[in-house]
Amino acid sequence: MSFKKIFYILCIFFWAFSATASADISVDLTLDQSSVVLTDTIVMKVTVTGKRKSNFPEIKGLSSFNVVKGGTASRVEFVNGSMNSEVEYTFYLTPLKPGEFVVGPAQVRIKNKVYSGNNVKLTVSKARNNQTGIASRPLFLEAGISKNNLYLNQNALYTLRLFMREQVSDISLEMPEVEGLAFESLAEPQKYSKIINAKRYEVVELKYILIPKKAGTYSITAAGMRMTTYKKNRRNNFFDDPFFNIRSGKPVYLSSNEIQLDVKNLPMRNRPDNFSGLVGLFDINATLDPVEVKDSESATLTITVQGRGNVRQIPDLKLADIKDLKIYHDKPRLNINKSKSAIFGEKIMKWAIVPEKCGKYIIPSMILAFFDPEKGRYRELKTKQFSLKSNTVADAEAISSNLISIYGDNHGGQVKAKNNQQEIRQIGKDIFPVHTSIDPLKGLRQQEFFNRIFILLMLAPPFIYFALLTGRKLFKNNNKNRLNIRSGNAGKKFLKKVRNQDLSPEEIHAAVLDYLNIRFLLKGGLLTPNEVYNLLINQGASPETASMLQNSIAQLESVIFTGEKSNSLAQIQDKLTEILKSVEQEVK
């Protein structure tokens, strides 16, 4: 067969392949669920049939959802001599509010022609507050509180438990924000297993101390957790080998149950005048050391208050002025310890007491008042009263008389002294001669010269080695400094690009990723919102700043994926500018 015929056959085959690949193009949108609750995650797939490549689809009706991009897959099939090709885009949707929604249609542009698909109805109901039937789910979040009726400033234990029958990663927590309530983290998260309805769950337990700052009735909103969950896909026995286990990640948002809380004011009846707001269970201990001092010496009074409750409000006790005593108050020291269920504290207060005159002094007791929520009444703790005695220092005559009584009175009252001097005698002779002039040193000058030459020759190799090593480091540092200078200018470059500019969502998204890659000396590439959050946390940014940037990028990607013209695009652009300014301040 001639080369010309082969060329014609290849051209015909290419023309047939192109025609077949571009024929019968269709767009189909599907959801894995049609009715969900507010905390569910929906898998949405857009399939473009008749083409292996297309522009990224624009999807309408996603303004009420948080959208996270999944993977993209393309397939080509030959059936009875004809070729079928398609590309599939995967998205994960998290509802932002309950209601009835129409998702779609999806539109793709291929060779300046727009192809549109179908739409799907989706019902989103409010998240369940009770736990009925929730234990049958592979993942769920549960919140609990030790007491639903509290006094003002009384501590309660708030517990979150994440139950898992699937492998997860990238867990981020959203704690409830309720005005008048404060949460303080306790120990590190605990991990254990639990059997529920004959199913084994891995449990991650987080504990917080809840402190009500205002009286009233509260509805503690649901806590939330975002994570990525993985399921193993096994097609046949061949893939049972762990090496061939293929995992696909799916973003999931979980919401806990709400909790009702009633907080009462502390009673006015029998409230002590010196009550400072301390609530809990406390004890007090006092010591005075020493109890007897000499004139102008000091004694130390130590008072220790310890217990559990709002320990940071343990008041500084005051020691009253006492005549002829100088009192110096040391700075109190507060030690905080956290157990698995409570916060314990110890406050140590010290005073240095110096008598100005000889005599006996009374150190009065001190009183600490607190409210015991378990018994519902006020209690007072009282230190014991101390007695401090100051003595005079013995004078010189008393000391002299004591010496005379010890050694005795000889020869008319003269104290006989012992001669402790010893005779000096030679015990040895130095083996080296002792030179009494500088003349013998003249012969050593030549030897010193050669010694110096020898020392220089010995030091030359390590000196040359360290010089080369220093030069190499300077070269590396110079290259590193150039990167650091470029990193330091990343913020200015971003602000110059986006400030007062009318940019598209894609251009803003690219500018943010470009800033992150340059600022943190990355190799470049795409970053997911979760990866951005972890990157900022590892670089020292605050969780608030990292979370705001994560949410802004996710919101920006949602605008890009939906293709809708968002009125809030300018707000997103301004918010990103402020967030990156915070990043520049927090990450050094």
Protein backbone atom coordinates (compact mmCIF):
# COMPACT_ATOMS: atom_id res chain seq x y z
CA MET A 1 0.00 0.00 0.00
CA SER A 2 1.40 3.37 -1.04
CA PHE A 3 2.04 6.23 1.36
CA LYS A 4 -0.61 8.33 -0.43
CA LYS A 5 -3.34 5.74 0.24
CA ILE A 6 -2.33 5.46 3.89
CA PHE A 7 -2.56 9.24 4.21
CA TYR A 8 -6.10 9.28 2.70
CA ILE A 9 -7.24 6.49 5.06
CA LEU A 10 -5.91 8.36 8.10
CA CYS A 11 -7.66 11.57 7.01
CA ILE A 12 -10.97 9.71 6.56
CA PHE A 13 -10.58 8.03 9.96
CA PHE A 14 -9.77 11.37 11.65
CA TRP A 15 -12.78 13.03 10.00
CA ALA A 16 -15.05 10.18 11.10
CA PHE A 17 -13.65 10.27 14.62
CA SER A 18 -14.19 14.04 14.90
CA ALA A 19 -17.69 13.85 13.54
CA THR A 20 -18.63 11.00 15.85
CA ALA A 21 -17.07 12.71 18.90
CA SER A 22 -18.98 15.95 18.29
CA ALA A 23 -22.32 14.43 17.36
CA ASP A 24 -25.31 14.22 19.68
CA ILE A 25 -23.95 16.43 22.46
CA SER A 26 -26.19 16.46 25.55
CA VAL A 27 -25.95 17.75 29.14
CA ASP A 28 -27.47 15.85 32.06
CA LEU A 29 -27.63 16.97 35.74
CA THR A 30 -28.32 14.47 38.54
CA LEU A 31 -28.51 14.58 42.35
CA ASP A 32 -27.97 11.56 44.58
CA GLN A 33 -30.90 12.67 46.83
CA SER A 34 -34.09 14.58 46.21
CA SER A 35 -35.07 15.20 49.85
CA VAL A 36 -32.50 16.03 52.53
CA VAL A 37 -32.13 17.77 55.88
CA LEU A 38 -30.16 20.92 56.41
CA THR A 39 -27.04 19.07 57.58
CA ASP A 40 -26.82 16.63 54.64
CA THR A 41 -24.35 16.81 51.76
CA ILE A 42 -25.69 16.23 48.24
CA VAL A 43 -23.61 14.81 45.40
CA MET A 44 -24.36 16.57 42.11
CA LYS A 45 -23.02 15.28 38.80
CA VAL A 46 -23.06 17.03 35.42
CA THR A 47 -22.45 14.70 32.48
CA VAL A 48 -21.64 16.04 29.02
CA THR A 49 -22.17 13.26 26.45
CA GLY A 50 -20.71 13.37 22.96
CA LYS A 51 -17.54 15.19 23.89
CA ARG A 52 -14.45 14.28 25.92
CA LYS A 53 -13.61 17.90 26.66
CA SER A 54 -15.74 20.96 27.30
CA ASN A 55 -15.67 24.27 29.10
CA PHE A 56 -16.46 24.11 32.79
CA PRO A 57 -20.24 23.98 33.26
CA GLU A 58 -22.23 26.92 34.58
CA ILE A 59 -25.03 25.75 36.89
CA LYS A 60 -28.02 27.83 37.91
CA GLY A 61 -29.97 27.62 41.15
CA LEU A 62 -27.02 27.19 43.54
CA SER A 63 -27.22 30.49 45.42
CA SER A 64 -28.65 28.74 48.51
CA PHE A 65 -25.89 26.13 48.68
CA ASN A 66 -22.27 25.93 49.63
CA VAL A 67 -20.58 24.37 46.59
CA VAL A 68 -17.33 22.38 46.68
CA LYS A 69 -15.79 21.10 43.47
CA GLY A 70 -15.12 17.37 43.26
CA GLY A 71 -13.33 15.48 40.52
CA THR A 72 -13.59 15.39 36.72
CA ALA A 73 -13.62 12.15 34.72
CA SER A 74 -13.77 11.49 31.00
CA ARG A 75 -14.66 8.21 29.25
CA VAL A 76 -14.58 6.85 25.71
CA GLU A 77 -16.52 3.68 24.72
CA PHE A 78 -16.68 1.76 21.45
CA VAL A 79 -19.97 -0.10 21.00
CA ASN A 80 -20.69 -1.99 17.72
CA GLY A 81 -18.12 0.04 15.86
CA SER A 82 -19.37 3.42 17.06
CA MET A 83 -17.62 5.60 19.60
CA ASN A 84 -19.33 7.25 22.60
CA SER A 85 -17.45 9.85 24.69
CA GLU A 86 -18.45 11.83 27.76
CA VAL A 87 -17.02 13.99 30.52
CA GLU A 88 -18.44 13.98 34.06
CA TYR A 89 -18.10 16.81 36.63
CA THR A 90 -18.76 16.13 40.34
CA PHE A 91 -19.86 18.72 42.92
CA TYR A 92 -20.80 18.57 46.60
CA LEU A 93 -23.64 20.78 47.84
CA THR A 94 -24.36 21.77 51.44
CA PRO A 95 -27.70 23.59 51.97
CA LEU A 96 -27.57 26.97 53.66
CA LYS A 97 -31.30 27.16 54.48
CA PRO A 98 -34.41 24.95 54.32
CA GLY A 99 -36.91 25.22 51.47
CA GLU A 100 -37.89 23.97 48.01
CA PHE A 101 -35.23 24.55 45.36
CA VAL A 102 -34.73 23.99 41.64
CA VAL A 103 -31.14 23.07 40.80
CA GLY A 104 -30.07 23.59 37.19
CA PRO A 105 -29.98 23.67 34.33
CA ALA A 106 -26.27 23.17 33.63
CA GLN A 107 -24.82 24.88 30.57
CA VAL A 108 -21.57 24.19 28.69
CA ARG A 109 -20.00 26.06 25.79
CA ILE A 110 -18.41 24.00 23.00
CA LYS A 111 -17.02 25.76 19.93
CA ASN A 112 -19.01 28.96 20.59
CA LYS A 113 -22.23 26.99 20.95
CA VAL A 114 -24.08 26.68 24.30
CA TYR A 115 -25.64 23.37 25.30
CA SER A 116 -28.15 23.31 28.16
CA GLY A 117 -29.48 20.41 30.19
CA ASN A 118 -32.24 19.59 32.63
CA ASN A 119 -33.04 20.83 36.14
CA VAL A 120 -33.85 18.88 39.31
CA LYS A 121 -36.09 19.70 42.28
CA LEU A 122 -34.63 19.41 45.78
CA THR A 123 -36.39 19.64 49.16
CA VAL A 124 -34.36 20.75 52.19
CA SER A 125 -35.97 20.42 55.62
CA LYS A 126 -34.75 21.83 58.92
CA ALA A 127 -32.11 19.81 60.76
CA ARG A 128 -33.44 17.49 63.45
CA ASN A 129 -33.00 18.61 67.05
CA ASN A 130 -33.72 15.17 68.49
CA GLN A 131 -31.56 12.12 68.06
CA THR A 132 -34.32 9.75 66.89
CA GLY A 133 -32.93 7.51 64.20
CA ILE A 134 -29.68 9.41 63.96
CA ALA A 135 -27.65 6.53 65.41
CA SER A 136 -28.23 4.55 62.19
CA ARG A 137 -26.18 7.06 60.21
CA PRO A 138 -22.45 6.45 59.56
CA LEU A 139 -21.54 9.91 60.89
CA PHE A 140 -23.31 12.07 63.44
CA LEU A 141 -22.49 14.75 66.01
CA GLU A 142 -23.95 14.83 69.52
CA ALA A 143 -23.88 17.64 72.11
CA GLY A 144 -24.56 17.35 75.84
CA ILE A 145 -24.36 19.43 79.00
CA SER A 146 -23.88 18.34 82.62
CA LYS A 147 -26.66 20.62 83.96
CA ASN A 148 -29.48 22.51 82.29
CA ASN A 149 -30.17 24.74 85.33
CA LEU A 150 -27.29 26.90 86.52
CA TYR A 151 -26.50 29.90 88.66
CA LEU A 152 -24.67 32.91 87.31
CA ASN A 153 -20.92 32.13 86.92
CA GLN A 154 -21.48 28.46 87.76
CA ASN A 155 -19.40 26.13 85.61
CA ALA A 156 -21.02 23.39 83.54
CA LEU A 157 -19.45 20.68 81.37
CA TYR A 158 -20.32 20.96 77.64
CA THR A 159 -19.41 17.83 75.64
CA LEU A 160 -19.30 17.21 71.88
CA ARG A 161 -19.02 13.66 70.54
CA LEU A 162 -18.33 12.79 66.90
CA PHE A 163 -19.46 9.24 66.05
CA MET A 164 -17.82 7.70 62.97
CA ARG A 165 -18.13 4.52 60.97
CA GLU A 166 -16.20 6.01 58.06
CA GLN A 167 -12.69 7.39 57.77
CA VAL A 168 -12.51 11.19 57.85
CA SER A 169 -9.89 13.95 57.65
CA ASP A 170 -9.62 17.76 57.67
CA ILE A 171 -12.01 18.17 60.60
CA SER A 172 -12.85 21.78 61.46
CA LEU A 173 -15.11 22.73 64.37
CA GLU A 174 -17.65 25.55 64.56
CA MET A 175 -18.58 26.18 68.19
CA PRO A 176 -21.89 27.84 69.12
CA GLU A 177 -21.72 31.59 69.57
CA VAL A 178 -24.27 32.70 72.17
CA GLU A 179 -24.11 36.13 73.77
CA GLY A 180 -23.81 35.77 77.53
CA LEU A 181 -22.15 32.32 77.42
CA ALA A 182 -18.41 31.61 77.39
CA PHE A 183 -16.74 28.32 76.38
CA GLU A 184 -13.27 27.25 77.54
CA SER A 185 -11.57 24.15 76.21
CA LEU A 186 -10.50 21.43 78.63
CA ALA A 187 -8.15 18.51 77.92
CA GLU A 188 -7.09 17.18 74.53
CA PRO A 189 -9.77 15.31 72.54
CA GLN A 190 -10.36 11.74 73.70
CA LYS A 191 -10.76 8.81 71.32
CA TYR A 192 -12.53 5.56 72.11
CA SER A 193 -14.93 3.00 70.61
CA LYS A 194 -18.61 2.50 71.35
CA ILE A 195 -21.22 -0.04 70.22
CA ILE A 196 -24.60 1.45 69.17
CA ASN A 197 -27.34 -0.76 67.78
CA ALA A 198 -24.82 -3.59 67.25
CA LYS A 199 -22.61 -1.26 65.20
CA ARG A 200 -19.12 -0.19 66.21
CA TYR A 201 -18.40 3.54 66.15
CA GLU A 202 -15.12 5.37 66.65
CA VAL A 203 -15.82 8.36 68.92
CA VAL A 204 -13.92 11.64 69.21
CA GLU A 205 -14.95 13.49 72.38
CA LEU A 206 -14.28 17.17 73.04
CA LYS A 207 -15.01 18.81 76.39
CA TYR A 208 -15.53 22.47 77.23
CA ILE A 209 -16.37 24.39 80.37
CA LEU A 210 -19.45 26.57 79.84
CA ILE A 211 -19.63 29.71 82.00
CA PRO A 212 -22.84 31.82 81.95
CA LYS A 213 -22.10 35.53 82.25
CA LYS A 214 -25.73 36.72 82.28
CA ALA A 215 -28.91 35.33 83.78
CA GLY A 216 -31.72 34.23 81.47
CA THR A 217 -33.03 31.42 79.29
CA TYR A 218 -30.71 30.28 76.51
CA SER A 219 -31.03 28.10 73.46
CA ILE A 220 -27.50 26.92 72.70
CA THR A 221 -27.37 26.66 68.94
CA ALA A 222 -26.01 23.59 67.22
CA ALA A 223 -22.27 23.07 66.96
CA GLY A 224 -21.00 22.19 63.49
CA MET A 225 -18.16 20.14 62.02
CA ARG A 226 -16.84 20.19 58.47
CA MET A 227 -14.76 17.26 57.28
CA THR A 228 -13.86 15.10 54.33
CA THR A 229 -15.12 11.51 54.44
CA TYR A 230 -13.69 8.59 52.47
CA LYS A 231 -15.31 5.41 51.21
CA LYS A 232 -13.35 2.50 49.79
CA ASN A 233 -14.46 1.38 46.34
CA ARG A 234 -13.96 -2.35 45.78
CA ARG A 235 -15.06 -3.77 42.45
CA ASN A 236 -13.96 -7.39 42.78
CA ASN A 237 -11.76 -9.68 44.78
CA PHE A 238 -8.68 -8.50 42.92
CA PHE A 239 -9.06 -5.07 44.52
CA ASP A 240 -9.34 -6.50 48.03
CA ASP A 241 -5.60 -5.98 48.21
CA PRO A 242 -5.07 -2.81 50.32
CA PHE A 243 -2.62 -1.58 47.68
CA PHE A 244 -5.47 -1.22 45.18
CA ASN A 245 -8.01 0.38 47.53
CA ILE A 246 -9.23 3.54 45.83
CA ARG A 247 -10.59 6.22 48.12
CA SER A 248 -12.75 9.14 47.03
CA GLY A 249 -13.12 12.12 49.35
CA LYS A 250 -16.47 13.77 49.97
CA PRO A 251 -16.95 16.96 52.00
CA VAL A 252 -19.51 16.59 54.81
CA TYR A 253 -21.06 19.07 57.24
CA LEU A 254 -22.49 17.75 60.51
CA SER A 255 -24.66 19.64 62.97
CA SER A 256 -25.33 18.72 66.61
CA ASN A 257 -28.55 18.99 68.56
CA GLU A 258 -29.55 22.25 70.27
CA ILE A 259 -29.54 22.54 74.09
CA GLN A 260 -31.84 24.54 76.35
CA LEU A 261 -30.28 26.25 79.37
CA ASP A 262 -31.75 28.24 82.28
CA VAL A 263 -29.44 30.56 84.25
CA LYS A 264 -30.55 32.12 87.56
CA ASN A 265 -29.14 35.16 89.34
CA LEU A 266 -27.32 34.62 92.63
CA PRO A 267 -29.68 35.13 95.61
CA MET A 268 -29.57 38.42 97.48
CA ARG A 269 -30.57 36.84 100.76
CA ASN A 270 -27.66 36.32 103.20
CA ARG A 271 -25.17 37.66 100.67
CA PRO A 272 -21.96 38.69 102.58
CA ASP A 273 -20.72 42.24 102.21
CA ASN A 274 -17.30 41.03 101.07
CA PHE A 275 -18.69 38.69 98.36
CA SER A 276 -16.74 39.21 95.11
CA GLY A 277 -18.67 36.92 92.74
CA LEU A 278 -16.73 33.72 93.44
CA VAL A 279 -18.86 30.65 92.62
CA GLY A 280 -17.85 27.05 93.16
CA LEU A 281 -16.25 25.02 95.93
CA PHE A 282 -13.11 26.41 97.63
CA ASP A 283 -10.79 25.93 100.60
CA ILE A 284 -8.26 28.24 102.31
CA ASN A 285 -5.01 27.64 104.16
CA ALA A 286 -2.70 30.11 105.99
CA THR A 287 0.81 29.84 107.50
CA LEU A 288 3.21 32.22 109.28
CA ASP A 289 6.91 31.39 109.17
CA PRO A 290 8.68 31.99 111.52
CA VAL A 291 6.47 32.92 114.44
CA GLU A 292 9.41 34.41 116.38
CA VAL A 293 11.95 36.82 114.85
CA LYS A 294 14.72 39.14 115.97
CA ASP A 295 14.43 42.89 115.73
CA SER A 296 14.38 44.12 112.04
CA GLU A 297 14.04 40.57 110.67
CA SER A 298 10.97 39.49 108.66
CA ALA A 299 8.33 36.77 108.84
CA THR A 300 6.29 35.53 105.84
CA LEU A 301 2.51 35.16 105.92
CA THR A 302 1.24 32.84 103.17
CA ILE A 303 -2.44 32.33 102.28
CA THR A 304 -3.47 29.76 99.67
CA VAL A 305 -6.99 29.64 98.19
CA GLN A 306 -7.75 26.61 96.05
CA GLY A 307 -10.80 24.96 94.55
CA ARG A 308 -12.90 24.59 91.39
CA GLY A 309 -15.29 27.03 89.77
CA ASN A 310 -14.65 30.47 88.31
CA VAL A 311 -11.13 30.36 89.76
CA ARG A 312 -9.96 33.39 87.78
CA GLN A 313 -12.20 35.52 90.03
CA ILE A 314 -10.50 34.52 93.30
CA PRO A 315 -10.07 37.93 94.94
CA ASP A 316 -6.83 39.37 96.34
CA LEU A 317 -7.20 39.31 100.13
CA LYS A 318 -6.06 42.40 102.06
CA LEU A 319 -4.08 42.41 105.30
CA ALA A 320 -5.03 45.32 107.56
CA ASP A 321 -2.37 47.77 108.76
CA ILE A 322 -0.86 46.90 112.16
CA LYS A 323 0.91 49.43 114.34
CA ASP A 324 4.73 49.10 114.49
CA LEU A 325 4.74 46.52 111.66
CA LYS A 326 5.95 47.13 108.13
CA ILE A 327 3.95 44.98 105.67
CA TYR A 328 5.11 44.26 102.09
CA HIS A 329 2.56 42.54 99.82
CA ASP A 330 4.06 40.22 97.20
CA LYS A 331 2.44 39.79 93.77
CA PRO A 332 -0.17 36.98 93.93
CA ARG A 333 0.39 33.87 91.81
CA LEU A 334 -2.53 32.06 90.15
CA ASN A 335 -2.09 28.47 88.95
CA ILE A 336 -4.75 26.94 86.66
CA ASN A 337 -5.13 23.19 86.17
CA LYS A 338 -7.64 21.46 83.90
CA SER A 339 -8.96 17.96 84.43
CA LYS A 340 -11.26 15.95 82.18
CA SER A 341 -14.36 17.52 83.72
CA ALA A 342 -13.48 20.75 85.57
CA ILE A 343 -11.11 23.68 85.96
CA PHE A 344 -9.14 23.83 89.19
CA GLY A 345 -7.25 26.84 90.48
CA GLU A 346 -4.85 27.83 93.23
CA LYS A 347 -4.07 31.41 94.22
CA ILE A 348 -1.05 32.02 96.48
CA MET A 349 -0.74 35.36 98.30
CA LYS A 350 2.26 36.34 100.44
CA TRP A 351 3.14 39.20 102.78
CA ALA A 352 6.54 40.00 104.33
CA ILE A 353 6.05 41.33 107.90
CA VAL A 354 8.88 43.28 109.59
CA PRO A 355 8.51 44.41 113.26
CA GLU A 356 9.86 47.88 113.98
CA LYS A 357 9.93 47.31 117.74
CA CYS A 358 10.35 44.41 120.10
CA GLY A 359 7.18 42.85 121.43
CA LYS A 360 4.29 40.60 120.61
CA TYR A 361 1.95 41.24 117.66
CA ILE A 362 -1.38 39.73 116.61
CA ILE A 363 -1.89 38.97 112.89
CA PRO A 364 -5.68 39.06 112.38
CA SER A 365 -7.57 36.42 110.44
CA MET A 366 -8.93 37.04 106.92
CA ILE A 367 -12.29 36.00 105.46
CA LEU A 368 -13.12 34.69 101.97
CA ALA A 369 -16.79 34.52 100.84
CA PHE A 370 -18.08 32.39 97.95
CA PHE A 371 -21.35 30.91 96.70
CA ASP A 372 -21.76 27.13 96.79
CA PRO A 373 -24.10 26.25 93.87
CA GLU A 374 -24.49 22.63 94.99
CA LYS A 375 -26.01 23.70 98.32
CA GLY A 376 -27.49 26.93 96.99
CA ARG A 377 -26.06 29.17 99.74
CA TYR A 378 -23.18 31.49 100.59
CA ARG A 379 -20.23 30.26 102.63
CA GLU A 380 -17.33 32.00 104.38
CA LEU A 381 -13.82 30.68 104.93
CA LYS A 382 -11.73 32.17 107.76
CA THR A 383 -7.99 31.87 108.37
CA LYS A 384 -6.70 31.42 111.90
CA GLN A 385 -5.18 34.26 113.93
CA PHE A 386 -1.38 34.29 114.30
CA SER A 387 0.91 35.63 117.06
CA LEU A 388 4.28 37.10 116.02
CA LYS A 389 7.01 37.73 118.63
CA SER A 390 9.99 40.06 118.09
CA ASN A 391 13.11 39.76 120.32
CA THR A 392 16.11 42.10 120.80
CA VAL A 393 19.60 41.18 119.58
CA ALA A 394 22.16 40.45 122.41
CA ASP A 395 24.59 43.37 122.98
CA ALA A 396 28.44 43.22 122.99
CA GLU A 397 28.80 43.05 126.78
CA ALA A 398 26.60 39.96 126.93
CA ILE A 399 28.73 38.34 124.26
CA SER A 400 31.96 39.24 126.11
CA SER A 401 30.67 37.81 129.38
CA ASN A 402 29.72 34.60 127.58
CA LEU A 403 33.25 34.28 126.21
CA ILE A 404 34.80 34.84 129.69
CA SER A 405 32.55 32.19 131.20
CA ILE A 406 33.61 29.77 128.49
CA TYR A 407 37.43 30.24 128.71
CA GLY A 408 37.62 31.15 132.47
CA ASP A 409 39.19 34.17 134.31
CA ASN A 410 43.06 33.80 134.56
CA HIS A 411 45.74 36.31 135.62
CA GLY A 412 43.50 39.10 136.87
CA GLY A 413 40.65 38.68 134.40
CA GLN A 414 42.82 38.47 131.29
CA VAL A 415 41.71 35.90 128.76
CA LYS A 416 44.51 33.53 127.93
CA ALA A 417 44.94 33.23 124.20
CA LYS A 418 46.39 30.21 122.54
CA ASN A 419 49.23 30.58 120.12
CA ASN A 420 48.08 28.80 116.98
CA GLN A 421 51.10 29.70 114.87
CA GLN A 422 53.05 26.76 113.39
CA GLU A 423 56.71 26.57 112.51
CA ILE A 424 57.40 26.89 108.76
CA ARG A 425 59.48 24.07 107.35
CA GLN A 426 60.54 23.00 103.84
CA ILE A 427 58.73 19.93 102.55
CA GLY A 428 60.14 19.74 98.99
CA LYS A 429 62.03 21.40 96.14
CA ASP A 430 60.75 22.44 92.68
CA ILE A 431 62.33 20.35 89.92
CA PHE A 432 62.36 23.39 87.57
CA PRO A 433 64.79 26.25 88.19
CA VAL A 434 63.38 29.58 89.31
CA HIS A 435 64.61 32.39 87.05
CA THR A 436 65.20 35.72 88.65
CA SER A 437 65.95 37.70 85.44
CA ILE A 438 64.73 37.84 81.79
CA ASP A 439 68.06 36.80 80.25
CA PRO A 440 67.17 33.08 80.01
CA LEU A 441 64.14 34.00 77.85
CA LYS A 442 66.26 35.30 74.98
CA GLY A 443 66.92 31.78 73.79
CA LEU A 444 63.24 31.02 73.43
CA ARG A 445 62.42 33.67 70.81
CA GLN A 446 63.43 31.54 67.87
CA GLN A 447 61.42 28.60 69.21
CA GLU A 448 58.35 30.83 69.62
CA PHE A 449 58.61 31.91 65.97
CA PHE A 450 58.55 28.31 64.72
CA ASN A 451 55.72 27.53 67.10
CA ARG A 452 53.62 30.27 65.55
CA ILE A 453 54.33 29.01 62.01
CA PHE A 454 53.33 25.51 63.08
CA ILE A 455 50.07 26.78 64.63
CA LEU A 456 49.21 28.70 61.43
CA LEU A 457 49.79 25.59 59.31
CA MET A 458 47.57 23.55 61.62
CA LEU A 459 44.76 26.11 61.51
CA ALA A 460 44.88 26.67 57.74
CA PRO A 461 42.83 23.56 56.59
CA PRO A 462 39.87 24.07 58.94
CA PHE A 463 39.94 27.82 58.19
CA ILE A 464 39.77 27.15 54.44
CA TYR A 465 36.97 24.60 55.01
CA PHE A 466 34.90 27.02 57.05
CA ALA A 467 35.52 29.81 54.52
CA LEU A 468 34.20 27.61 51.69
CA LEU A 469 31.25 26.52 53.81
CA THR A 470 30.45 30.16 54.65
CA GLY A 471 30.63 31.09 50.98
CA ARG A 472 28.23 28.31 50.07
CA LYS A 473 25.78 29.40 52.76
CA LEU A 474 26.04 33.02 51.63
CA PHE A 475 25.19 31.91 48.09
CA LYS A 476 22.18 29.93 49.30
CA ASN A 477 21.09 32.72 51.61
CA ASN A 478 21.33 35.20 48.74
CA ASN A 479 18.98 33.04 46.67
CA LYS A 480 16.75 32.55 49.73
CA ASN A 481 16.76 36.29 50.38
CA ARG A 482 15.53 36.91 46.85
CA LEU A 483 12.65 34.49 47.48
CA ASN A 484 11.96 36.10 50.86
CA ILE A 485 11.90 39.57 49.28
CA ARG A 486 9.47 38.28 46.69
CA SER A 487 7.41 36.65 49.44
CA GLY A 488 7.33 39.91 51.43
CA ASN A 489 6.05 41.80 48.37
CA ALA A 490 3.25 39.29 47.68
CA GLY A 491 0.73 41.34 49.65
CA LYS A 492 1.59 44.55 47.81
CA LYS A 493 1.33 42.74 44.47
CA PHE A 494 -2.14 41.41 45.38
CA LEU A 495 -3.41 44.79 46.56
CA LYS A 496 -2.09 46.49 43.42
CA LYS A 497 -3.87 43.92 41.26
CA VAL A 498 -7.29 43.90 42.91
CA ARG A 499 -7.65 47.37 44.47
CA ASN A 500 -10.20 49.49 42.61
CA GLN A 501 -10.27 46.93 39.78
CA ASP A 502 -13.38 45.40 38.24
CA LEU A 503 -12.24 41.77 38.07
CA SER A 504 -14.07 38.58 37.22
CA PRO A 505 -14.48 35.83 39.86
CA GLU A 506 -11.86 33.74 38.03
CA GLU A 507 -9.34 36.63 38.09
CA ILE A 508 -9.92 37.26 41.83
CA HIS A 509 -9.55 33.53 42.57
CA ALA A 510 -6.32 33.36 40.55
CA ALA A 511 -4.96 36.46 42.35
CA VAL A 512 -5.61 34.92 45.78
CA LEU A 513 -3.93 31.61 44.84
CA ASP A 514 -1.01 33.52 43.30
CA TYR A 515 -0.62 35.47 46.55
CA LEU A 516 -0.61 32.29 48.69
CA ASN A 517 1.90 30.49 46.44
CA ILE A 518 4.31 33.45 46.43
CA ARG A 519 3.81 34.46 50.07
CA PHE A 520 4.52 30.98 51.47
CA LEU A 521 7.10 29.91 48.84
CA LEU A 522 4.94 27.11 47.43
CA LYS A 523 5.64 25.35 44.17
CA GLY A 524 2.38 26.60 42.72
CA GLY A 525 -0.86 24.92 41.87
CA LEU A 526 -4.44 24.86 43.06
CA LEU A 527 -5.36 24.94 46.73
CA THR A 528 -8.71 23.80 48.12
CA PRO A 529 -10.39 25.90 50.87
CA ASN A 530 -9.48 23.22 53.45
CA GLU A 531 -5.84 23.25 52.29
CA VAL A 532 -5.79 27.05 52.59
CA TYR A 533 -7.10 26.79 56.17
CA ASN A 534 -4.46 24.22 57.18
CA LEU A 535 -1.71 26.24 55.46
CA LEU A 536 -2.54 29.43 57.38
CA ILE A 537 -2.83 27.60 60.72
CA ASN A 538 0.58 25.97 60.19
CA GLN A 539 2.09 29.35 59.31
CA GLY A 540 0.85 30.91 62.58
CA ALA A 541 -2.33 32.73 61.49
CA SER A 542 -5.26 32.83 63.91
CA PRO A 543 -8.11 30.31 63.44
CA GLU A 544 -10.52 33.23 62.84
CA THR A 545 -8.46 34.64 59.96
CA ALA A 546 -7.86 31.17 58.47
CA SER A 547 -11.58 30.35 58.68
CA MET A 548 -12.61 33.66 57.06
CA LEU A 549 -10.22 33.12 54.13
CA GLN A 550 -11.41 29.50 53.78
CA ASN A 551 -15.05 30.60 53.64
CA SER A 552 -14.33 33.48 51.24
CA ILE A 553 -12.50 31.20 48.78
CA ALA A 554 -15.32 28.64 49.03
CA GLN A 555 -17.88 31.40 48.39
CA LEU A 556 -15.82 32.65 45.44
CA GLU A 557 -15.59 29.14 43.96
CA SER A 558 -19.36 28.82 44.40
CA VAL A 559 -19.83 31.96 42.27
CA ILE A 560 -17.43 30.56 39.66
CA PHE A 561 -19.12 27.17 39.53
CA THR A 562 -22.66 28.55 39.31
CA GLY A 563 -21.78 31.12 36.68
CA GLU A 564 -24.25 33.55 38.21
CA LYS A 565 -23.57 37.25 38.44
CA SER A 566 -23.31 37.83 42.18
CA ASN A 567 -24.11 41.25 43.56
CA SER A 568 -21.77 40.44 46.43
CA LEU A 569 -18.68 39.97 44.23
CA ALA A 570 -17.39 43.42 45.14
CA GLN A 571 -17.99 42.63 48.82
CA ILE A 572 -16.05 39.36 48.47
CA GLN A 573 -13.20 41.28 46.80
CA ASP A 574 -13.11 43.88 49.59
CA LYS A 575 -13.36 41.18 52.28
CA LEU A 576 -10.46 39.24 50.74
CA THR A 577 -8.38 42.41 50.79
CA GLU A 578 -9.02 42.90 54.52
CA ILE A 579 -8.40 39.21 55.29
CA LEU A 580 -5.05 39.17 53.50
CA LYS A 581 -4.05 42.31 55.38
CA SER A 582 -4.73 40.35 58.60
CA VAL A 583 -2.64 37.47 57.25
CA GLU A 584 0.27 39.85 56.64
CA GLN A 585 0.02 41.10 60.23
CA GLU A 586 -0.29 37.67 61.88
CA VAL A 587 2.20 35.65 59.80
CA LYS A 588 5.76 36.90 60.20
